[in-house]
Amino acid sequence: MAILTFNNSFEPHKTRFTHVSLNEKEIHNCVLYMKKIFERDQKNRPPSLIKKEKYERMFTNLCAVTAISRVVNFPFINYSNFDKDPVTQLRETVGPHFDIVVFNYGEFPLFYYKMYKKAIFICKVSKLEYIVCGYGTPYIINSFHSKSLISSPEIRQNSSMSAFYGFEHLRSLPKNIYDFKTMVK
C-alpha cells in the first residue's frame, strides 16, 4: 500500500476542479469589505486587542465565498452588509447546515470529526487564487478522513480534528444557482 500524500490524493483530480483567480472588481470588493470591518472593530476596542489572524481568516473565507459565487454565477455576499460574515451570508441561500472548508495547497483539509454538515472544499493557492474542489455530504466527508494526515502533532493529539483525503468523491459545483440549490438540498 502506498503512503497517502497530498499530491497523490489531490493532483489526479485537480483538472476536474474549478480554478478561480479573483478579478479586479472581486478583489476591490473583498478589500473594501475587510477595511470596513476593521474600521468598525477599531471603534469598539483598542488596537492592541485586535487579532491579525482573525482578519486573515475572515479575508480568506470572504475570497473563498467570492470564488464560489463566481463558479455558480450568483452573488452570495452583500459586500455592504458588515453584520453578517461571508459564510453566514452563504448559508442564507444554501441553508444553515452547510460549511466551507478552506485549506492551503499542499496540506490536507482539516475539519472537526465527526462532520454533520454538508461542505464545499476550497484550496487556497494564493491570496487571490483558489481551486473550488467540490461538494461533499457528511457521509462522504466522514468516510474519507484520517487523523494521521494532520501535519501538526499538537493538533493531531489534542483535538477532535481530522484530515480529508477523498477528493475523487467530491461533486463538482454546477455553473448556475438553480442546479446548485438542488444539489445542496
Protein backbone atom coordinates (compact mmCIF):
# COMPACT_ATOMS: atom_id res chain seq x y z
CA MET A 1 0.00 0.00 0.00
CA ALA A 2 1.36 3.42 -0.96
CA ILE A 3 1.82 6.19 1.54
CA LEU A 4 -1.01 8.69 1.30
CA THR A 5 0.28 12.17 0.45
CA PHE A 6 -1.44 15.38 -0.53
CA ASN A 7 -0.05 15.16 -4.07
CA ASN A 8 -1.24 11.62 -4.77
CA SER A 9 -4.66 12.40 -3.26
CA PHE A 10 -5.21 15.81 -4.85
CA GLU A 11 -3.26 16.08 -8.11
CA PRO A 12 -5.01 13.30 -10.11
CA HIS A 13 -8.34 15.12 -9.62
CA LYS A 14 -7.11 18.70 -9.96
CA THR A 15 -8.13 19.02 -13.62
CA ARG A 16 -11.82 18.47 -12.85
CA PHE A 17 -11.82 21.17 -10.16
CA THR A 18 -12.62 24.80 -10.98
CA HIS A 19 -9.70 27.23 -10.80
CA VAL A 20 -10.67 30.79 -9.88
CA SER A 21 -8.38 33.81 -9.95
CA LEU A 22 -10.24 36.73 -8.44
CA ASN A 23 -10.60 39.65 -10.83
CA GLU A 24 -10.01 43.32 -10.03
CA LYS A 25 -13.62 44.03 -9.08
CA GLU A 26 -13.82 40.99 -6.77
CA ILE A 27 -10.53 41.93 -5.11
CA HIS A 28 -11.74 45.51 -4.67
CA ASN A 29 -15.00 44.31 -3.08
CA CYS A 30 -13.17 41.96 -0.69
CA VAL A 31 -10.59 44.56 0.36
CA LEU A 32 -13.23 47.25 0.87
CA TYR A 33 -15.37 44.85 2.93
CA MET A 34 -12.40 43.99 5.15
CA LYS A 35 -11.44 47.65 5.52
CA LYS A 36 -14.96 48.48 6.77
CA ILE A 37 -14.93 45.51 9.17
CA PHE A 38 -11.56 46.59 10.56
CA GLU A 39 -12.71 50.20 10.96
CA ARG A 40 -15.86 49.04 12.75
CA ASP A 41 -13.86 46.83 15.10
CA GLN A 42 -11.34 49.59 15.86
CA LYS A 43 -14.15 51.79 17.14
CA ASN A 44 -15.26 49.06 19.55
CA ARG A 45 -11.90 48.05 21.05
CA PRO A 46 -8.32 49.24 21.34
CA PRO A 47 -5.94 48.26 18.51
CA SER A 48 -3.85 46.17 20.92
CA LEU A 49 -6.76 43.73 21.33
CA ILE A 50 -7.37 43.26 17.60
CA LYS A 51 -6.02 39.92 16.39
CA LYS A 52 -4.44 39.91 12.93
CA GLU A 53 -5.19 36.18 12.46
CA LYS A 54 -8.93 36.85 12.78
CA TYR A 55 -8.85 39.23 9.81
CA GLU A 56 -6.63 36.97 7.73
CA ARG A 57 -9.04 34.07 8.29
CA MET A 58 -12.03 36.30 7.51
CA PHE A 59 -10.38 37.58 4.31
CA THR A 60 -9.64 34.02 3.20
CA ASN A 61 -13.26 32.97 3.84
CA LEU A 62 -14.51 36.09 2.06
CA CYS A 63 -12.37 35.31 -1.01
CA ALA A 64 -13.42 31.64 -0.91
CA VAL A 65 -17.13 32.52 -0.88
CA THR A 66 -16.46 35.02 -3.68
CA ALA A 67 -14.86 32.18 -5.67
CA ILE A 68 -17.94 30.00 -5.08
CA SER A 69 -20.11 32.92 -6.25
CA ARG A 70 -18.12 33.09 -9.46
CA VAL A 71 -18.48 29.36 -10.11
CA VAL A 72 -22.26 29.25 -9.63
CA ASN A 73 -22.78 32.72 -11.10
CA PHE A 74 -24.69 34.05 -8.09
CA PRO A 75 -23.75 36.86 -5.64
CA PHE A 76 -23.88 35.19 -2.21
CA ILE A 77 -22.26 38.16 -0.49
CA ASN A 78 -23.64 41.62 0.04
CA TYR A 79 -20.34 43.49 0.46
CA SER A 80 -22.18 46.32 2.25
CA ASN A 81 -23.55 44.03 4.99
CA PHE A 82 -20.96 44.04 7.77
CA ASP A 83 -23.28 42.49 10.36
CA LYS A 84 -23.06 39.02 8.80
CA ASP A 85 -19.82 37.30 7.95
CA PRO A 86 -19.39 35.83 4.44
CA VAL A 87 -20.11 32.22 5.44
CA THR A 88 -23.33 33.29 7.21
CA GLN A 89 -24.38 35.15 4.06
CA LEU A 90 -23.72 31.99 2.00
CA ARG A 91 -25.78 29.93 4.46
CA GLU A 92 -28.75 32.25 3.96
CA THR A 93 -29.00 30.85 0.43
CA VAL A 94 -27.93 27.24 0.92
CA GLY A 95 -29.15 26.53 4.44
CA PRO A 96 -27.77 26.64 7.97
CA HIS A 97 -26.31 23.12 7.94
CA PHE A 98 -23.66 23.96 5.41
CA ASP A 99 -19.99 24.85 5.66
CA ILE A 100 -16.92 25.65 3.62
CA VAL A 101 -13.58 24.03 4.30
CA VAL A 102 -10.71 26.18 3.07
CA PHE A 103 -7.24 24.66 3.05
CA ASN A 104 -3.82 25.64 1.78
CA TYR A 105 -2.39 23.98 -1.28
CA GLY A 106 -0.10 21.16 -0.18
CA GLU A 107 -1.98 20.49 3.07
CA PHE A 108 -4.92 18.18 3.66
CA PRO A 109 -8.16 19.98 4.59
CA LEU A 110 -8.91 19.77 8.31
CA PHE A 111 -12.36 19.50 9.84
CA TYR A 112 -13.82 18.66 13.22
CA TYR A 113 -14.65 14.98 13.21
CA LYS A 114 -17.46 13.93 13.09
CA MET A 115 -18.82 16.25 10.38
CA TYR A 116 -22.56 16.79 10.49
CA LYS A 117 -22.79 19.45 7.79
CA LYS A 118 -22.51 19.42 4.02
CA ALA A 119 -19.42 21.29 2.85
CA ILE A 120 -17.63 22.76 -0.13
CA PHE A 121 -13.87 22.22 -0.18
CA ILE A 122 -11.75 25.09 -1.47
CA CYS A 123 -8.00 25.01 -1.91
CA LYS A 124 -6.21 28.32 -1.38
CA VAL A 125 -3.30 28.54 -3.81
CA SER A 126 -2.53 32.20 -3.04
CA LYS A 127 -4.42 35.14 -1.53
CA LEU A 128 -6.18 35.68 -4.85
CA GLU A 129 -6.22 32.23 -6.45
CA TYR A 130 -8.48 29.39 -5.35
CA ILE A 131 -9.41 25.93 -6.54
CA VAL A 132 -13.05 25.07 -5.87
CA CYS A 133 -12.76 21.32 -5.41
CA GLY A 134 -16.38 20.40 -4.90
CA TYR A 135 -19.16 19.48 -2.58
CA GLY A 136 -19.30 16.67 -0.04
CA THR A 137 -22.04 15.26 2.14
CA PRO A 138 -21.33 14.36 5.77
CA TYR A 139 -21.25 10.68 4.74
CA ILE A 140 -18.52 11.30 2.15
CA ILE A 141 -16.51 13.59 4.41
CA ASN A 142 -16.64 11.19 7.36
CA SER A 143 -15.81 8.19 5.16
CA PHE A 144 -12.54 9.57 3.78
CA HIS A 145 -10.58 11.03 6.65
CA SER A 146 -7.57 10.19 8.76
CA LYS A 147 -6.22 11.84 11.87
CA SER A 148 -2.72 10.63 10.92
CA LEU A 149 -2.66 13.00 7.91
CA ILE A 150 -2.61 16.07 10.17
CA SER A 151 0.91 17.51 10.00
CA SER A 152 0.84 19.26 13.38
CA PRO A 153 1.46 16.80 16.25
CA GLU A 154 -0.31 19.15 18.70
CA ILE A 155 -3.48 19.29 16.63
CA ARG A 156 -3.34 15.57 15.89
CA GLN A 157 -3.03 14.63 19.58
CA ASN A 158 -5.05 17.32 21.32
CA SER A 159 -8.09 17.91 19.15
CA SER A 160 -11.01 16.17 17.52
CA MET A 161 -9.88 17.29 14.08
CA SER A 162 -9.25 15.00 11.17
CA ALA A 163 -7.94 15.41 7.62
CA PHE A 164 -9.99 14.75 4.49
CA TYR A 165 -8.41 12.90 1.56
CA GLY A 166 -11.36 11.77 -0.61
CA PHE A 167 -11.11 14.41 -3.34
CA GLU A 168 -12.26 11.98 -6.03
CA HIS A 169 -15.63 11.66 -4.23
CA LEU A 170 -16.47 15.37 -4.22
CA ARG A 171 -19.18 16.53 -6.61
CA SER A 172 -18.32 19.42 -8.92
CA LEU A 173 -20.33 22.57 -8.44
CA PRO A 174 -22.84 23.38 -11.17
CA LYS A 175 -22.44 26.59 -13.13
CA ASN A 176 -25.78 28.09 -12.08
CA ILE A 177 -27.62 28.80 -8.84
CA TYR A 178 -30.67 26.67 -9.65
CA ASP A 179 -28.70 23.43 -10.04
CA PHE A 180 -26.52 24.46 -7.09
CA LYS A 181 -29.54 24.86 -4.78
CA THR A 182 -30.88 21.48 -5.92
CA MET A 183 -27.53 19.81 -5.26
CA VAL A 184 -27.13 21.16 -1.71
CA LYS A 185 -30.68 20.32 -0.53
